[in-house]
Amino acid sequence: MPGEEREHYVRDESDAARIDRNYSEQLQELRVAQAGVQILFAFLLGIAFQQRFESITDFQRALYTGTLICTAVATALFIAPVAVHRVMFRRHLKDELVEFTGRVAVAGLVFLALAMLGALGLIIDVVVGPIAAGITTGCIAVLFSYLWYVLPLRWRSRTADER
């Protein structure tokens, strides 16, 4: 709350322990995102083989293709830290791995949001129509933007000012 004093907890841990904890926390976060993106990817792969898919408009086909590509990119970004870790194992580059994982996780979330918005827009466009799809997708885009980026950046900025 504004004006309240906050206690900041300082962990009594070595740099190596901090890096290990950070990496472990990042991997836990990625597990949640990976599950969601993999389910979305499977869904998208399956709908292309449905009979009704043949009757979609050129715009819907382009939206589907863009959504599928965003999902594939998000998948690659979320899985990249595992591959990099395996290649760099026992090279004493954990700091770099933690930084890399943080960067690809943020990029993966951007592509996941785009993929989810594309899938939502496509489905609502097919079921209800383009106006409803535009309005609904726009509202959900604002929600994603606020919850995933604006709010955390505001908190981050506020805590940086308090230090």
N, C-alpha and C. Protein backbone atom coordinates (compact mmCIF):
# COMPACT_ATOMS: atom_id res chain seq x y z
N MET A 1 0.84 -1.18 0.00
CA MET A 1 0.00 0.00 0.00
C MET A 1 0.89 1.25 0.00
N PRO A 2 0.44 2.31 -0.67
CA PRO A 2 1.22 3.54 -0.67
C PRO A 2 1.39 4.08 0.74
N GLY A 3 2.58 4.53 1.04
CA GLY A 3 2.87 5.11 2.34
C GLY A 3 3.23 4.11 3.42
N GLU A 4 2.93 2.85 3.19
CA GLU A 4 3.27 1.84 4.19
C GLU A 4 4.74 1.50 4.10
N GLU A 5 5.28 1.19 5.24
CA GLU A 5 6.67 0.73 5.24
C GLU A 5 6.67 -0.75 4.95
N ARG A 6 7.62 -1.16 4.17
CA ARG A 6 7.74 -2.56 3.80
C ARG A 6 9.00 -3.14 4.38
N GLU A 7 8.86 -4.35 4.85
CA GLU A 7 10.06 -5.06 5.29
C GLU A 7 10.63 -5.79 4.10
N HIS A 8 11.90 -5.65 3.90
CA HIS A 8 12.57 -6.40 2.84
C HIS A 8 13.39 -7.48 3.51
N TYR A 9 13.16 -8.68 3.07
CA TYR A 9 13.86 -9.80 3.65
C TYR A 9 15.13 -10.06 2.85
N VAL A 10 16.22 -10.12 3.54
CA VAL A 10 17.49 -10.41 2.91
C VAL A 10 17.81 -11.86 3.21
N ARG A 11 18.04 -12.63 2.18
CA ARG A 11 18.37 -14.04 2.36
C ARG A 11 19.84 -14.17 2.73
N ASP A 12 20.08 -15.03 3.65
CA ASP A 12 21.46 -15.32 4.03
C ASP A 12 21.91 -16.51 3.20
N GLU A 13 22.39 -16.24 1.98
CA GLU A 13 22.80 -17.31 1.09
C GLU A 13 24.00 -16.87 0.26
N SER A 14 24.76 -17.83 -0.14
CA SER A 14 25.92 -17.54 -0.98
C SER A 14 25.46 -17.18 -2.39
N ASP A 15 26.35 -16.61 -3.18
CA ASP A 15 26.02 -16.29 -4.57
C ASP A 15 25.63 -17.56 -5.33
N ALA A 16 26.37 -18.63 -5.10
CA ALA A 16 26.08 -19.90 -5.79
C ALA A 16 24.70 -20.41 -5.40
N ALA A 17 24.35 -20.33 -4.13
CA ALA A 17 23.04 -20.79 -3.67
C ALA A 17 21.93 -19.91 -4.26
N ARG A 18 22.17 -18.61 -4.35
CA ARG A 18 21.20 -17.69 -4.94
C ARG A 18 20.97 -18.01 -6.41
N ILE A 19 22.04 -18.24 -7.13
CA ILE A 19 21.94 -18.56 -8.56
C ILE A 19 21.18 -19.87 -8.74
N ASP A 20 21.51 -20.88 -7.93
CA ASP A 20 20.81 -22.16 -8.01
C ASP A 20 19.32 -22.00 -7.71
N ARG A 21 19.00 -21.20 -6.68
CA ARG A 21 17.59 -20.96 -6.32
C ARG A 21 16.88 -20.23 -7.45
N ASN A 22 17.53 -19.21 -8.01
CA ASN A 22 16.91 -18.46 -9.10
C ASN A 22 16.63 -19.36 -10.30
N TYR A 23 17.58 -20.21 -10.62
CA TYR A 23 17.40 -21.10 -11.76
C TYR A 23 16.28 -22.10 -11.50
N SER A 24 16.23 -22.63 -10.30
CA SER A 24 15.17 -23.56 -9.93
C SER A 24 13.80 -22.88 -10.01
N GLU A 25 13.70 -21.65 -9.54
CA GLU A 25 12.44 -20.92 -9.61
C GLU A 25 12.04 -20.66 -11.07
N GLN A 26 13.01 -20.33 -11.90
CA GLN A 26 12.73 -20.10 -13.31
C GLN A 26 12.20 -21.37 -13.97
N LEU A 27 12.81 -22.50 -13.67
CA LEU A 27 12.35 -23.76 -14.26
C LEU A 27 10.93 -24.11 -13.83
N GLN A 28 10.59 -23.81 -12.58
CA GLN A 28 9.22 -24.04 -12.11
C GLN A 28 8.24 -23.18 -12.90
N GLU A 29 8.60 -21.91 -13.13
CA GLU A 29 7.75 -21.02 -13.90
C GLU A 29 7.59 -21.53 -15.33
N LEU A 30 8.67 -21.99 -15.91
CA LEU A 30 8.63 -22.48 -17.29
C LEU A 30 7.77 -23.73 -17.42
N ARG A 31 7.74 -24.57 -16.39
CA ARG A 31 6.91 -25.78 -16.43
C ARG A 31 5.44 -25.43 -16.61
N VAL A 32 4.99 -24.38 -15.93
CA VAL A 32 3.60 -23.95 -16.05
C VAL A 32 3.34 -23.47 -17.48
N ALA A 33 4.21 -22.62 -17.99
CA ALA A 33 4.03 -22.07 -19.33
C ALA A 33 4.14 -23.17 -20.40
N GLN A 34 5.07 -24.09 -20.22
CA GLN A 34 5.26 -25.17 -21.19
C GLN A 34 4.00 -26.01 -21.33
N ALA A 35 3.38 -26.32 -20.22
CA ALA A 35 2.16 -27.15 -20.28
C ALA A 35 1.08 -26.44 -21.08
N GLY A 36 0.89 -25.16 -20.82
CA GLY A 36 -0.13 -24.41 -21.56
C GLY A 36 0.16 -24.32 -23.04
N VAL A 37 1.39 -24.03 -23.39
CA VAL A 37 1.73 -23.87 -24.80
C VAL A 37 1.67 -25.21 -25.53
N GLN A 38 2.01 -26.29 -24.87
CA GLN A 38 1.94 -27.60 -25.51
C GLN A 38 0.50 -28.03 -25.77
N ILE A 39 -0.39 -27.73 -24.84
CA ILE A 39 -1.81 -28.04 -25.04
C ILE A 39 -2.36 -27.21 -26.20
N LEU A 40 -2.03 -25.93 -26.24
CA LEU A 40 -2.47 -25.07 -27.33
C LEU A 40 -1.92 -25.55 -28.66
N PHE A 41 -0.66 -25.94 -28.69
CA PHE A 41 -0.03 -26.42 -29.91
C PHE A 41 -0.74 -27.68 -30.43
N ALA A 42 -1.02 -28.61 -29.53
CA ALA A 42 -1.72 -29.84 -29.92
C ALA A 42 -3.10 -29.52 -30.48
N PHE A 43 -3.81 -28.61 -29.83
CA PHE A 43 -5.13 -28.20 -30.30
C PHE A 43 -5.04 -27.62 -31.71
N LEU A 44 -4.09 -26.72 -31.91
CA LEU A 44 -3.94 -26.08 -33.21
C LEU A 44 -3.57 -27.07 -34.31
N LEU A 45 -2.71 -28.01 -33.98
CA LEU A 45 -2.33 -29.02 -34.97
C LEU A 45 -3.54 -29.87 -35.36
N GLY A 46 -4.40 -30.15 -34.40
CA GLY A 46 -5.57 -30.99 -34.66
C GLY A 46 -6.65 -30.31 -35.47
N ILE A 47 -6.87 -29.02 -35.28
CA ILE A 47 -8.00 -28.39 -35.97
C ILE A 47 -7.77 -28.26 -37.48
N ALA A 48 -6.54 -28.28 -37.91
CA ALA A 48 -6.28 -28.19 -39.35
C ALA A 48 -6.80 -29.41 -40.10
N PHE A 49 -7.05 -30.48 -39.39
CA PHE A 49 -7.51 -31.70 -40.03
C PHE A 49 -9.01 -31.93 -39.85
N GLN A 50 -9.70 -30.94 -39.33
CA GLN A 50 -11.16 -31.03 -39.18
C GLN A 50 -11.82 -30.67 -40.50
N GLN A 51 -12.98 -31.26 -40.78
CA GLN A 51 -13.68 -30.99 -42.04
C GLN A 51 -14.03 -29.52 -42.21
N ARG A 52 -14.45 -28.88 -41.15
CA ARG A 52 -14.88 -27.48 -41.23
C ARG A 52 -13.72 -26.54 -41.57
N PHE A 53 -12.50 -26.97 -41.35
CA PHE A 53 -11.32 -26.13 -41.61
C PHE A 53 -11.27 -25.70 -43.08
N GLU A 54 -11.77 -26.54 -43.96
CA GLU A 54 -11.75 -26.22 -45.40
C GLU A 54 -12.60 -24.99 -45.73
N SER A 55 -13.58 -24.68 -44.89
CA SER A 55 -14.51 -23.59 -45.21
C SER A 55 -14.13 -22.26 -44.56
N ILE A 56 -12.98 -22.16 -43.91
CA ILE A 56 -12.63 -20.90 -43.27
C ILE A 56 -12.16 -19.89 -44.32
N THR A 57 -12.25 -18.61 -43.96
CA THR A 57 -11.87 -17.54 -44.88
C THR A 57 -10.36 -17.42 -44.98
N ASP A 58 -9.91 -16.65 -45.94
CA ASP A 58 -8.47 -16.41 -46.08
C ASP A 58 -7.90 -15.72 -44.84
N PHE A 59 -8.67 -14.76 -44.29
CA PHE A 59 -8.22 -14.10 -43.06
C PHE A 59 -8.08 -15.10 -41.92
N GLN A 60 -9.05 -15.97 -41.75
CA GLN A 60 -9.01 -16.97 -40.68
C GLN A 60 -7.84 -17.94 -40.90
N ARG A 61 -7.57 -18.29 -42.15
CA ARG A 61 -6.44 -19.17 -42.45
C ARG A 61 -5.11 -18.48 -42.11
N ALA A 62 -5.01 -17.19 -42.43
CA ALA A 62 -3.80 -16.43 -42.09
C ALA A 62 -3.65 -16.30 -40.57
N LEU A 63 -4.77 -16.05 -39.89
CA LEU A 63 -4.74 -15.95 -38.42
C LEU A 63 -4.33 -17.29 -37.80
N TYR A 64 -4.87 -18.37 -38.34
CA TYR A 64 -4.49 -19.70 -37.87
C TYR A 64 -2.99 -19.94 -38.06
N THR A 65 -2.49 -19.63 -39.24
CA THR A 65 -1.07 -19.85 -39.53
C THR A 65 -0.18 -19.02 -38.61
N GLY A 66 -0.52 -17.75 -38.43
CA GLY A 66 0.25 -16.90 -37.52
C GLY A 66 0.21 -17.41 -36.08
N THR A 67 -0.96 -17.87 -35.67
CA THR A 67 -1.11 -18.41 -34.32
C THR A 67 -0.29 -19.68 -34.14
N LEU A 68 -0.32 -20.54 -35.14
CA LEU A 68 0.47 -21.77 -35.08
C LEU A 68 1.97 -21.45 -34.99
N ILE A 69 2.41 -20.50 -35.78
CA ILE A 69 3.83 -20.10 -35.75
C ILE A 69 4.20 -19.50 -34.40
N CYS A 70 3.35 -18.62 -33.85
CA CYS A 70 3.62 -18.05 -32.52
C CYS A 70 3.70 -19.14 -31.46
N THR A 71 2.85 -20.14 -31.57
CA THR A 71 2.86 -21.25 -30.62
C THR A 71 4.15 -22.05 -30.73
N ALA A 72 4.60 -22.29 -31.96
CA ALA A 72 5.86 -23.02 -32.17
C ALA A 72 7.04 -22.22 -31.62
N VAL A 73 7.04 -20.92 -31.84
CA VAL A 73 8.13 -20.07 -31.32
C VAL A 73 8.12 -20.07 -29.79
N ALA A 74 6.93 -19.94 -29.19
CA ALA A 74 6.83 -19.97 -27.72
C ALA A 74 7.34 -21.31 -27.18
N THR A 75 6.98 -22.39 -27.85
CA THR A 75 7.46 -23.71 -27.44
C THR A 75 8.98 -23.77 -27.48
N ALA A 76 9.55 -23.30 -28.57
CA ALA A 76 11.01 -23.31 -28.70
C ALA A 76 11.67 -22.47 -27.61
N LEU A 77 11.10 -21.31 -27.32
CA LEU A 77 11.68 -20.44 -26.30
C LEU A 77 11.57 -21.05 -24.90
N PHE A 78 10.44 -21.67 -24.59
CA PHE A 78 10.27 -22.26 -23.26
C PHE A 78 11.13 -23.50 -23.04
N ILE A 79 11.42 -24.21 -24.10
CA ILE A 79 12.23 -25.42 -23.97
C ILE A 79 13.73 -25.12 -24.11
N ALA A 80 14.08 -24.00 -24.70
CA ALA A 80 15.49 -23.65 -24.92
C ALA A 80 16.37 -23.74 -23.67
N PRO A 81 15.92 -23.26 -22.50
CA PRO A 81 16.80 -23.36 -21.33
C PRO A 81 17.21 -24.79 -20.99
N VAL A 82 16.35 -25.75 -21.26
CA VAL A 82 16.68 -27.15 -20.99
C VAL A 82 17.81 -27.60 -21.92
N ALA A 83 17.67 -27.28 -23.19
CA ALA A 83 18.69 -27.66 -24.17
C ALA A 83 20.02 -26.97 -23.88
N VAL A 84 19.94 -25.68 -23.58
CA VAL A 84 21.17 -24.93 -23.28
C VAL A 84 21.84 -25.48 -22.02
N HIS A 85 21.03 -25.77 -21.01
CA HIS A 85 21.59 -26.33 -19.78
C HIS A 85 22.31 -27.64 -20.07
N ARG A 86 21.69 -28.49 -20.89
CA ARG A 86 22.30 -29.79 -21.18
C ARG A 86 23.63 -29.61 -21.90
N VAL A 87 23.69 -28.69 -22.86
CA VAL A 87 24.93 -28.46 -23.61
C VAL A 87 25.99 -27.81 -22.73
N MET A 88 25.57 -26.93 -21.82
CA MET A 88 26.52 -26.17 -21.00
C MET A 88 26.78 -26.82 -19.63
N PHE A 89 26.23 -28.00 -19.40
CA PHE A 89 26.36 -28.68 -18.11
C PHE A 89 27.82 -28.79 -17.70
N ARG A 90 28.08 -28.45 -16.45
CA ARG A 90 29.41 -28.51 -15.83
C ARG A 90 30.44 -27.60 -16.50
N ARG A 91 29.98 -26.50 -17.04
CA ARG A 91 30.88 -25.51 -17.65
C ARG A 91 31.02 -24.27 -16.77
N HIS A 92 30.37 -24.29 -15.61
CA HIS A 92 30.44 -23.19 -14.64
C HIS A 92 29.92 -21.88 -15.24
N LEU A 93 28.79 -21.99 -15.93
CA LEU A 93 28.18 -20.81 -16.56
C LEU A 93 26.74 -20.62 -16.07
N LYS A 94 26.48 -20.93 -14.82
CA LYS A 94 25.13 -20.86 -14.27
C LYS A 94 24.60 -19.42 -14.29
N ASP A 95 25.45 -18.43 -14.00
CA ASP A 95 25.02 -17.03 -14.08
C ASP A 95 24.46 -16.72 -15.46
N GLU A 96 25.19 -17.10 -16.48
CA GLU A 96 24.76 -16.86 -17.85
C GLU A 96 23.48 -17.62 -18.17
N LEU A 97 23.38 -18.83 -17.66
CA LEU A 97 22.19 -19.64 -17.89
C LEU A 97 20.96 -18.99 -17.24
N VAL A 98 21.11 -18.48 -16.04
CA VAL A 98 19.99 -17.81 -15.35
C VAL A 98 19.57 -16.57 -16.14
N GLU A 99 20.52 -15.79 -16.61
CA GLU A 99 20.19 -14.60 -17.39
C GLU A 99 19.50 -14.98 -18.70
N PHE A 100 20.05 -15.98 -19.40
CA PHE A 100 19.47 -16.45 -20.65
C PHE A 100 18.05 -16.95 -20.43
N THR A 101 17.85 -17.75 -19.39
CA THR A 101 16.54 -18.32 -19.10
C THR A 101 15.51 -17.22 -18.84
N GLY A 102 15.92 -16.20 -18.10
CA GLY A 102 15.01 -15.08 -17.84
C GLY A 102 14.60 -14.37 -19.12
N ARG A 103 15.56 -14.16 -20.01
CA ARG A 103 15.27 -13.46 -21.27
C ARG A 103 14.36 -14.29 -22.19
N VAL A 104 14.66 -15.57 -22.33
CA VAL A 104 13.82 -16.38 -23.24
C VAL A 104 12.44 -16.63 -22.63
N ALA A 105 12.35 -16.64 -21.30
CA ALA A 105 11.03 -16.80 -20.67
C ALA A 105 10.14 -15.60 -20.99
N VAL A 106 10.69 -14.40 -20.91
CA VAL A 106 9.92 -13.20 -21.24
C VAL A 106 9.50 -13.23 -22.71
N ALA A 107 10.43 -13.56 -23.58
CA ALA A 107 10.10 -13.65 -25.01
C ALA A 107 9.05 -14.74 -25.25
N GLY A 108 9.19 -15.86 -24.55
CA GLY A 108 8.22 -16.94 -24.68
C GLY A 108 6.83 -16.51 -24.25
N LEU A 109 6.76 -15.72 -23.18
CA LEU A 109 5.46 -15.22 -22.72
C LEU A 109 4.83 -14.29 -23.74
N VAL A 110 5.64 -13.48 -24.41
CA VAL A 110 5.10 -12.61 -25.46
C VAL A 110 4.48 -13.46 -26.56
N PHE A 111 5.21 -14.47 -27.03
CA PHE A 111 4.68 -15.32 -28.10
C PHE A 111 3.52 -16.18 -27.63
N LEU A 112 3.53 -16.60 -26.37
CA LEU A 112 2.39 -17.35 -25.83
C LEU A 112 1.15 -16.46 -25.80
N ALA A 113 1.29 -15.22 -25.36
CA ALA A 113 0.15 -14.30 -25.35
C ALA A 113 -0.38 -14.08 -26.76
N LEU A 114 0.52 -13.87 -27.72
CA LEU A 114 0.10 -13.70 -29.11
C LEU A 114 -0.62 -14.94 -29.62
N ALA A 115 -0.10 -16.11 -29.29
CA ALA A 115 -0.73 -17.36 -29.73
C ALA A 115 -2.11 -17.52 -29.10
N MET A 116 -2.22 -17.23 -27.83
CA MET A 116 -3.52 -17.38 -27.17
C MET A 116 -4.53 -16.38 -27.72
N LEU A 117 -4.07 -15.17 -27.98
CA LEU A 117 -4.96 -14.16 -28.57
C LEU A 117 -5.37 -14.56 -29.98
N GLY A 118 -4.43 -15.10 -30.74
CA GLY A 118 -4.76 -15.56 -32.09
C GLY A 118 -5.77 -16.69 -32.07
N ALA A 119 -5.56 -17.66 -31.18
CA ALA A 119 -6.50 -18.78 -31.08
C ALA A 119 -7.89 -18.29 -30.64
N LEU A 120 -7.91 -17.40 -29.68
CA LEU A 120 -9.18 -16.84 -29.21
C LEU A 120 -9.88 -16.09 -30.34
N GLY A 121 -9.12 -15.23 -31.03
CA GLY A 121 -9.70 -14.47 -32.14
C GLY A 121 -10.22 -15.38 -33.23
N LEU A 122 -9.48 -16.41 -33.57
CA LEU A 122 -9.91 -17.34 -34.61
C LEU A 122 -11.20 -18.05 -34.23
N ILE A 123 -11.25 -18.57 -33.04
CA ILE A 123 -12.43 -19.33 -32.61
C ILE A 123 -13.66 -18.43 -32.52
N ILE A 124 -13.49 -17.25 -31.94
CA ILE A 124 -14.65 -16.35 -31.83
C ILE A 124 -15.08 -15.86 -33.21
N ASP A 125 -14.13 -15.63 -34.10
CA ASP A 125 -14.47 -15.21 -35.46
C ASP A 125 -15.29 -16.29 -36.16
N VAL A 126 -14.89 -17.55 -36.03
CA VAL A 126 -15.61 -18.65 -36.67
C VAL A 126 -16.99 -18.84 -36.04
N VAL A 127 -17.06 -18.75 -34.71
CA VAL A 127 -18.31 -19.06 -34.01
C VAL A 127 -19.30 -17.90 -34.02
N VAL A 128 -18.81 -16.68 -33.80
CA VAL A 128 -19.71 -15.54 -33.62
C VAL A 128 -19.58 -14.51 -34.74
N GLY A 129 -18.35 -14.24 -35.16
CA GLY A 129 -18.15 -13.25 -36.22
C GLY A 129 -16.98 -12.35 -35.92
N PRO A 130 -16.56 -11.57 -36.92
CA PRO A 130 -15.35 -10.76 -36.80
C PRO A 130 -15.45 -9.60 -35.80
N ILE A 131 -16.60 -8.99 -35.67
CA ILE A 131 -16.71 -7.86 -34.73
C ILE A 131 -16.55 -8.35 -33.30
N ALA A 132 -17.26 -9.41 -32.96
CA ALA A 132 -17.13 -9.99 -31.61
C ALA A 132 -15.71 -10.47 -31.37
N ALA A 133 -15.09 -11.05 -32.41
CA ALA A 133 -13.70 -11.53 -32.27
C ALA A 133 -12.76 -10.36 -31.99
N GLY A 134 -12.92 -9.27 -32.71
CA GLY A 134 -12.06 -8.11 -32.51
C GLY A 134 -12.22 -7.50 -31.12
N ILE A 135 -13.45 -7.34 -30.69
CA ILE A 135 -13.71 -6.74 -29.37
C ILE A 135 -13.20 -7.65 -28.26
N THR A 136 -13.56 -8.92 -28.32
CA THR A 136 -13.15 -9.86 -27.27
C THR A 136 -11.63 -10.00 -27.23
N THR A 137 -11.01 -10.19 -28.37
CA THR A 137 -9.55 -10.36 -28.42
C THR A 137 -8.85 -9.10 -27.92
N GLY A 138 -9.36 -7.94 -28.29
CA GLY A 138 -8.78 -6.68 -27.81
C GLY A 138 -8.87 -6.56 -26.30
N CYS A 139 -10.02 -6.90 -25.73
CA CYS A 139 -10.19 -6.84 -24.26
C CYS A 139 -9.25 -7.82 -23.56
N ILE A 140 -9.15 -9.02 -24.09
CA ILE A 140 -8.26 -10.01 -23.47
C ILE A 140 -6.80 -9.60 -23.65
N ALA A 141 -6.46 -8.96 -24.75
CA ALA A 141 -5.09 -8.44 -24.95
C ALA A 141 -4.75 -7.41 -23.88
N VAL A 142 -5.70 -6.55 -23.57
CA VAL A 142 -5.49 -5.57 -22.51
C VAL A 142 -5.29 -6.27 -21.17
N LEU A 143 -6.09 -7.29 -20.90
CA LEU A 143 -5.96 -8.06 -19.65
C LEU A 143 -4.58 -8.71 -19.55
N PHE A 144 -4.16 -9.41 -20.62
CA PHE A 144 -2.82 -10.02 -20.63
C PHE A 144 -1.74 -8.96 -20.40
N SER A 145 -1.83 -7.87 -21.13
CA SER A 145 -0.83 -6.82 -21.02
C SER A 145 -0.74 -6.30 -19.59
N TYR A 146 -1.88 -6.06 -19.00
CA TYR A 146 -1.89 -5.53 -17.64
C TYR A 146 -1.34 -6.54 -16.63
N LEU A 147 -1.87 -7.76 -16.65
CA LEU A 147 -1.47 -8.75 -15.64
C LEU A 147 -0.05 -9.27 -15.84
N TRP A 148 0.37 -9.45 -17.07
CA TRP A 148 1.66 -10.07 -17.35
C TRP A 148 2.80 -9.08 -17.43
N TYR A 149 2.51 -7.81 -17.76
CA TYR A 149 3.61 -6.86 -17.97
C TYR A 149 3.46 -5.57 -17.18
N VAL A 150 2.35 -4.86 -17.32
CA VAL A 150 2.19 -3.56 -16.68
C VAL A 150 2.25 -3.67 -15.16
N LEU A 151 1.44 -4.52 -14.59
CA LEU A 151 1.40 -4.66 -13.13
C LEU A 151 2.76 -5.09 -12.56
N PRO A 152 3.39 -6.14 -13.09
CA PRO A 152 4.71 -6.50 -12.55
C PRO A 152 5.76 -5.39 -12.72
N LEU A 153 5.73 -4.68 -13.83
CA LEU A 153 6.70 -3.59 -14.03
C LEU A 153 6.44 -2.44 -13.07
N ARG A 154 5.17 -2.17 -12.76
CA ARG A 154 4.85 -1.14 -11.77
C ARG A 154 5.37 -1.55 -10.40
N TRP A 155 5.15 -2.81 -10.01
CA TRP A 155 5.64 -3.30 -8.72
C TRP A 155 7.16 -3.25 -8.68
N ARG A 156 7.77 -3.65 -9.77
CA ARG A 156 9.23 -3.66 -9.85
C ARG A 156 9.78 -2.25 -9.71
N SER A 157 9.15 -1.30 -10.37
CA SER A 157 9.58 0.09 -10.29
C SER A 157 9.39 0.64 -8.88
N ARG A 158 8.27 0.31 -8.27
CA ARG A 158 7.99 0.79 -6.91
C ARG A 158 8.99 0.22 -5.91
N THR A 159 9.31 -1.06 -6.02
CA THR A 159 10.26 -1.65 -5.07
C THR A 159 11.67 -1.13 -5.31
N ALA A 160 11.99 -0.79 -6.57
CA ALA A 160 13.31 -0.22 -6.87
C ALA A 160 13.43 1.17 -6.25
N ASP A 161 12.33 1.93 -6.25
CA ASP A 161 12.33 3.27 -5.66
C ASP A 161 12.47 3.22 -4.14
N GLU A 162 12.00 2.14 -3.52
CA GLU A 162 12.03 2.03 -2.06
C GLU A 162 13.40 1.65 -1.54
N ARG A 163 14.26 1.16 -2.40
CA ARG A 163 15.57 0.71 -1.94
C ARG A 163 16.53 1.83 -1.75
